[in-house]
Each structure stands twice: as C-alpha cells, then as structure tokens.
C-alpha cells in the first residue's frame, strides 16, 4: 500500500509540475489524471470512468491566480484510488472524494505563502545577477510548493482508504443509497455550473435541440457529440467569414488621404 500511495502522489505531482515548467497541457485535470492513476493501480477502465465523471463536476471550477474552490486533480487521484484499492462503487468514490478535493484546495492556498519565504533569497540572487543561484532556488521552490498537494494525496490514499471502507461498511442501507444518488447527481451539478456561465439565447437553442434529439430519437451520446462538433465548426467558419467581410467593407469605405495629409502624417 505504501508503494501504491507513493506512486499515486508522484503521478499527481508530476502532472501538476507540467503547469509550471512546461507548456500547460492541463495534465492535472481529472480527465487525464484519473486514467493515469487507474493505469498505475491496474484498472484503467475504472480510472477513465471516474476521471470523466469528475471532469464534469469540476469543469466549472476556475483558477484565478492561486484562488480556487477545489483541487480537481487531488480529487481524481483520491477517488480512483479509493474505488480500486477499497472496492468502492463509482458513485461512492465520487461522493467521498469530491469534498476531499475541496479540502485539498487549502494546499493551493498555501503555495503563495511558501513563495513569500523564498522571495528575499530570490531578490538577492537577482541583485547579484546570479542566474545559476536564481535557477536553483526557483526549481526548489516549485518542488516544495507542489509537494504539499502530493503529500495530502499520499496520506489520504495510505490512511484514508481503510477508514472510508470502515465507515461505508457501518452505514445503513438507506444512507448508502443516498450516497450513491448524490454521487450520480454531482456530475450534473458540475455541468449545470458550467452551463450557467455560458448560457444565452443561442446556447439555449442548442441545448434544447440536443435534448429533444436525445429524448425522441434515442441517439447515442457519441453521435450527438459528433453533430455538436460540426455545428461548432460551422459557427467558427461563419465568424471568420464575417470578420473578413467587415475588414473588406472598412477598406472600401476608407476616405483617401490628400497629399498634404500624407505629408504631415
């Protein structure tokens, strides 16, 4: 268990690191981290399912600087680990790990405080034009900052799984039914949060169009997603065509400059 907890924490730390020292490819999102943890623990399919569900929940969570309400990556790592190592159902793992993800946001809030400790040292290297010293301190700072969330995940996987299993085993049947219902409902809540940020009259038309297609034609969700891609591409091409026409119209209506205006310009 110790090795598995370390590997899960290291995977989260490495994915989080790419946002600092590489082009930010969003590798610490549940849609990627969930399958990765599932692969490490030997159940890739379950990791994909939980990662996709948690991505829907946290899709509307926005990072503004270091301010955020949850840590989606930590939640995905813990949920997949609990489901695989402690035989929790998908909905149970999501219901348990989602609040832990909000608790792990404290680690993100602590990162700037740790950075302030190293600021005088960084300033001293910059004043001396010591690029090598500045580079070493900056990398050490990143290592320490990102290790906080990884330590949370390590401790949760190592010690929290047995505790969660014991609590789940002692709960009556009607409470477990409620936990499963809450876990199944959370992705819809996350999707609703994201939709509320994008909602307008045009979005409402597409939403209702997709709803009626699913309701009355029983279309597969993948086929509906393909239709949505084509609609989105049509909108993109239409947008660029309108910009091109607007630019051409502005050139045609431009008033030609006189020689005197051109001289003084």
Protein backbone atom coordinates (compact mmCIF):
# COMPACT_ATOMS: atom_id res chain seq x y z
CA UNK A 1 0.00 0.00 0.00
CA UNK A 2 2.89 2.35 0.77
CA UNK A 3 4.32 1.99 -2.73
CA UNK A 4 0.92 2.45 -4.38
CA UNK A 5 0.20 5.59 -2.34
CA UNK A 6 3.62 6.98 -3.30
CA UNK A 7 3.09 6.26 -7.00
CA UNK A 8 -0.33 7.94 -6.99
CA UNK A 9 1.06 11.01 -5.21
CA UNK A 10 4.05 11.13 -7.56
CA UNK A 11 1.79 10.92 -10.63
CA UNK A 12 -0.25 13.87 -9.37
CA UNK A 13 2.92 15.84 -8.53
CA UNK A 14 4.43 15.20 -11.99
CA UNK A 15 1.22 16.19 -13.79
CA UNK A 16 0.92 19.34 -11.68
CA UNK A 17 4.57 20.16 -12.42
CA UNK A 18 3.88 20.41 -16.16
CA UNK A 19 1.80 23.52 -15.49
CA UNK A 20 4.88 25.27 -14.09
CA UNK A 21 7.88 24.08 -16.10
CA UNK A 22 6.30 23.05 -19.40
CA UNK A 23 3.55 24.24 -21.72
CA UNK A 24 0.39 23.91 -19.63
CA UNK A 25 -1.32 20.90 -21.18
CA UNK A 26 -3.84 20.56 -18.29
CA UNK A 27 -2.42 17.17 -17.34
CA UNK A 28 -3.57 17.65 -13.75
CA UNK A 29 -7.23 17.61 -14.77
CA UNK A 30 -9.36 14.57 -13.80
CA UNK A 31 -9.89 13.61 -17.46
CA UNK A 32 -6.17 12.78 -17.70
CA UNK A 33 -5.12 12.08 -14.11
CA UNK A 34 -7.98 9.65 -13.46
CA UNK A 35 -6.98 7.21 -16.23
CA UNK A 36 -3.30 7.60 -15.29
CA UNK A 37 -3.95 6.63 -11.68
CA UNK A 38 -6.17 3.78 -12.88
CA UNK A 39 -3.33 2.55 -15.08
CA UNK A 40 -0.90 2.68 -12.15
CA UNK A 41 -3.27 0.75 -9.88
CA UNK A 42 -4.26 -1.81 -12.51
CA UNK A 43 -7.78 -0.72 -13.52
CA UNK A 44 -7.53 1.67 -16.44
CA UNK A 45 -11.23 1.42 -17.36
CA UNK A 46 -12.43 2.44 -13.90
CA UNK A 47 -9.94 5.32 -13.91
CA UNK A 48 -11.41 6.57 -17.20
CA UNK A 49 -14.98 6.38 -15.88
CA UNK A 50 -14.26 8.23 -12.62
CA UNK A 51 -11.98 10.75 -14.34
CA UNK A 52 -14.69 11.63 -16.86
CA UNK A 53 -17.32 11.95 -14.12
CA UNK A 54 -15.10 14.23 -12.01
CA UNK A 55 -14.20 16.34 -15.04
CA UNK A 56 -17.88 17.12 -15.44
CA UNK A 57 -18.10 18.08 -11.76
CA UNK A 58 -15.04 20.35 -11.77
CA UNK A 59 -15.29 21.70 -15.32
CA UNK A 60 -16.78 24.93 -14.00
CA UNK A 61 -14.06 25.39 -11.35
CA UNK A 62 -11.88 28.32 -12.47
CA UNK A 63 -8.42 29.20 -11.15
CA UNK A 64 -7.95 32.95 -10.66
CA UNK A 65 -4.28 33.25 -9.72
CA UNK A 66 -3.94 30.98 -6.69
CA UNK A 67 -7.59 31.39 -5.70
CA UNK A 68 -9.77 28.36 -6.33
CA UNK A 69 -12.52 26.49 -4.55
CA UNK A 70 -11.23 22.94 -5.18
CA UNK A 71 -8.33 20.83 -6.39
CA UNK A 72 -9.73 18.65 -9.20
CA UNK A 73 -6.51 16.66 -9.63
CA UNK A 74 -6.32 15.64 -5.99
CA UNK A 75 -9.98 14.65 -6.01
CA UNK A 76 -9.47 12.45 -9.09
CA UNK A 77 -6.38 10.75 -7.65
CA UNK A 78 -8.14 10.01 -4.35
CA UNK A 79 -11.43 8.89 -5.92
CA UNK A 80 -9.79 6.42 -8.31
CA UNK A 81 -7.54 5.09 -5.54
CA UNK A 82 -10.45 4.55 -3.15
CA UNK A 83 -12.52 2.83 -5.82
CA UNK A 84 -9.75 0.43 -6.86
CA UNK A 85 -7.99 -0.24 -3.55
CA UNK A 86 -11.04 -0.29 -1.28
CA UNK A 87 -13.70 -1.69 -3.64
CA UNK A 88 -15.96 1.35 -3.57
CA UNK A 89 -18.51 1.88 -6.31
CA UNK A 90 -18.02 4.74 -8.75
CA UNK A 91 -20.72 6.88 -7.13
CA UNK A 92 -19.45 6.17 -3.61
CA UNK A 93 -15.87 7.10 -4.56
CA UNK A 94 -17.01 10.32 -6.23
CA UNK A 95 -19.24 11.30 -3.30
CA UNK A 96 -16.38 10.76 -0.84
CA UNK A 97 -13.54 12.27 -2.87
CA UNK A 98 -15.35 15.42 -4.05
CA UNK A 99 -15.38 17.11 -0.61
CA UNK A 100 -11.77 15.98 -0.09
CA UNK A 101 -10.91 17.81 -3.32
CA UNK A 102 -12.37 20.99 -1.85
CA UNK A 103 -10.32 20.40 1.31
CA UNK A 104 -7.16 19.95 -0.76
CA UNK A 105 -7.70 23.47 -2.12
CA UNK A 106 -6.07 24.58 1.14
CA UNK A 107 -2.79 23.25 -0.26
CA UNK A 108 -3.13 25.52 -3.30
CA UNK A 109 -3.81 28.48 -1.00
CA UNK A 110 -0.61 27.71 0.94
CA UNK A 111 1.63 27.85 -2.13
CA UNK A 112 1.92 31.69 -2.34
CA UNK A 113 2.68 31.83 1.42
CA UNK A 114 5.61 29.47 0.91
CA UNK A 115 6.76 31.52 -2.08
CA UNK A 116 6.97 34.62 0.14
CA UNK A 117 9.55 32.85 2.33
CA UNK A 118 11.89 32.45 -0.65
CA UNK A 119 11.32 35.95 -2.07
CA UNK A 120 14.22 37.68 -0.21
CA UNK A 121 16.62 34.95 -1.33
CA UNK A 122 15.46 35.25 -4.94
CA UNK A 123 15.82 39.06 -4.80
CA UNK A 124 19.38 38.71 -3.51
CA UNK A 125 20.38 36.47 -6.41
CA UNK A 126 18.76 38.84 -8.90
CA UNK A 127 20.62 41.85 -7.48
CA UNK A 128 23.90 39.95 -7.89
CA UNK A 129 22.96 38.81 -11.43
CA UNK A 130 23.46 35.26 -10.21
CA UNK A 131 21.39 33.34 -12.75
CA UNK A 132 22.56 29.93 -11.51
CA UNK A 133 21.54 30.63 -7.92
CA UNK A 134 18.19 32.06 -9.03
CA UNK A 135 17.50 28.97 -11.15
CA UNK A 136 18.30 26.57 -8.31
CA UNK A 137 16.12 28.43 -5.79
CA UNK A 138 13.22 28.71 -8.28
CA UNK A 139 13.23 24.99 -9.01
CA UNK A 140 13.48 24.15 -5.30
CA UNK A 141 10.55 26.46 -4.61
CA UNK A 142 8.43 24.76 -7.26
CA UNK A 143 9.33 21.35 -5.84
CA UNK A 144 8.30 22.36 -2.32
CA UNK A 145 5.10 24.14 -3.37
CA UNK A 146 3.86 21.27 -5.50
CA UNK A 147 4.76 18.69 -2.86
CA UNK A 148 2.09 20.00 -0.46
CA UNK A 149 -0.84 18.69 -2.51
CA UNK A 150 1.03 15.46 -3.25
CA UNK A 151 1.56 14.87 0.49
CA UNK A 152 -2.17 15.35 1.08
CA UNK A 153 -2.95 12.74 -1.58
CA UNK A 154 -0.30 10.35 -0.25
CA UNK A 155 -1.70 10.48 3.30
CA UNK A 156 -5.30 10.19 2.07
CA UNK A 157 -4.56 7.09 -0.03
CA UNK A 158 -2.34 5.49 2.62
CA UNK A 159 -4.52 6.02 5.69
CA UNK A 160 -7.89 7.20 4.43
CA UNK A 161 -8.94 4.18 2.40
CA UNK A 162 -9.37 1.80 5.34
CA UNK A 163 -11.18 4.49 7.33
CA UNK A 164 -13.57 5.18 4.46
CA UNK A 165 -14.21 1.46 3.96
CA UNK A 166 -14.97 1.02 7.66
CA UNK A 167 -17.35 4.00 7.66
CA UNK A 168 -19.10 2.81 4.48
CA UNK A 169 -19.47 -0.68 5.92
CA UNK A 170 -21.14 0.63 9.07
CA UNK A 171 -23.66 2.83 7.28
CA UNK A 172 -27.27 1.60 6.95
CA UNK A 173 -28.63 0.74 3.53
CA UNK A 174 -30.74 3.89 3.10
CA UNK A 175 -27.70 6.11 3.76
CA UNK A 176 -25.64 4.23 1.18
CA UNK A 177 -28.49 4.68 -1.28
CA UNK A 178 -28.38 8.42 -0.64
CA UNK A 179 -24.59 8.50 -1.07
CA UNK A 180 -24.87 6.71 -4.42
CA UNK A 181 -27.64 9.09 -5.52
CA UNK A 182 -25.52 12.10 -4.55
CA UNK A 183 -22.53 10.71 -6.41
CA UNK A 184 -24.63 10.16 -9.52
CA UNK A 185 -26.05 13.69 -9.29
CA UNK A 186 -22.74 15.56 -8.80
CA UNK A 187 -21.64 15.43 -12.50
CA UNK A 188 -24.97 17.02 -13.48
CA UNK A 189 -24.42 19.77 -10.91
CA UNK A 190 -20.94 20.45 -12.30
CA UNK A 191 -22.28 20.57 -15.85
CA UNK A 192 -25.04 22.95 -14.71
CA UNK A 193 -22.44 25.27 -13.14
CA UNK A 194 -20.51 25.39 -16.41
CA UNK A 195 -23.67 25.88 -18.47
CA UNK A 196 -24.78 28.78 -16.27
CA UNK A 197 -21.55 30.60 -17.17
CA UNK A 198 -22.13 30.15 -20.90
CA UNK A 199 -25.90 30.50 -21.04
CA UNK A 200 -27.52 32.86 -23.52
CA UNK A 201 -30.33 32.68 -26.10
CA UNK A 202 -28.16 30.98 -28.71
CA UNK A 203 -26.86 28.42 -26.21
CA UNK A 204 -30.43 27.70 -25.12
CA UNK A 205 -31.40 26.78 -28.69
CA UNK A 206 -28.53 24.30 -28.99
CA UNK A 207 -29.28 22.88 -25.55
CA UNK A 208 -32.94 22.28 -26.33
CA UNK A 209 -32.06 20.90 -29.77
CA UNK A 210 -29.73 18.35 -28.22
CA UNK A 211 -32.23 17.47 -25.51
CA UNK A 212 -35.04 16.72 -27.97
CA UNK A 213 -32.72 14.69 -30.20
CA UNK A 214 -31.73 12.53 -27.24
CA UNK A 215 -35.28 12.29 -25.88
CA UNK A 216 -37.24 11.42 -29.01
CA UNK A 217 -34.68 9.87 -31.38
CA UNK A 218 -32.70 7.93 -28.75
CA UNK A 219 -29.41 8.97 -30.33
CA UNK A 220 -26.12 7.70 -28.97
CA UNK A 221 -24.23 10.35 -26.96
CA UNK A 222 -21.12 9.93 -29.15
CA UNK A 223 -23.13 10.57 -32.31
CA UNK A 224 -24.64 13.67 -30.69
CA UNK A 225 -21.14 14.89 -29.81
CA UNK A 226 -20.08 14.50 -33.44
CA UNK A 227 -23.07 16.60 -34.53
CA UNK A 228 -22.07 19.24 -31.95
CA UNK A 229 -18.52 19.36 -33.37
CA UNK A 230 -19.83 20.05 -36.88
CA UNK A 231 -22.15 22.79 -35.55
CA UNK A 232 -19.25 24.37 -33.65
CA UNK A 233 -17.03 24.29 -36.76
CA UNK A 234 -19.79 25.91 -38.81
CA UNK A 235 -20.01 28.71 -36.25
CA UNK A 236 -16.24 29.19 -36.29
CA UNK A 237 -16.06 29.42 -40.09
CA UNK A 238 -19.03 31.78 -40.13
CA UNK A 239 -17.34 34.02 -37.55
CA UNK A 240 -14.13 34.31 -39.56
CA UNK A 241 -16.08 34.96 -42.78
CA UNK A 242 -17.93 37.82 -41.09
CA UNK A 243 -14.65 39.31 -39.86
CA UNK A 244 -13.19 39.11 -43.36
CA UNK A 245 -16.24 40.82 -44.88
CA UNK A 246 -16.15 43.53 -42.21
CA UNK A 247 -12.45 44.18 -42.91
CA UNK A 248 -13.08 44.43 -46.67
CA UNK A 249 -16.01 46.80 -46.10
CA UNK A 250 -13.90 49.07 -43.90
CA UNK A 251 -11.20 49.26 -46.59
CA UNK A 252 -13.75 50.23 -49.27
CA UNK A 253 -15.30 52.98 -47.12
CA UNK A 254 -11.94 54.45 -46.12
CA UNK A 255 -11.53 58.10 -47.20
CA UNK A 256 -8.40 58.53 -49.34
CA UNK A 257 -5.83 60.91 -47.88
CA UNK A 258 -4.78 64.07 -49.70
CA UNK A 259 -1.11 64.72 -50.47
CA UNK A 260 -1.00 67.37 -47.76
CA UNK A 261 -2.41 64.99 -45.09
CA UNK A 262 0.03 62.33 -46.15
CA UNK A 263 2.93 64.81 -45.83
CA UNK A 264 2.08 65.87 -42.27
CA UNK A 265 1.25 62.34 -41.06
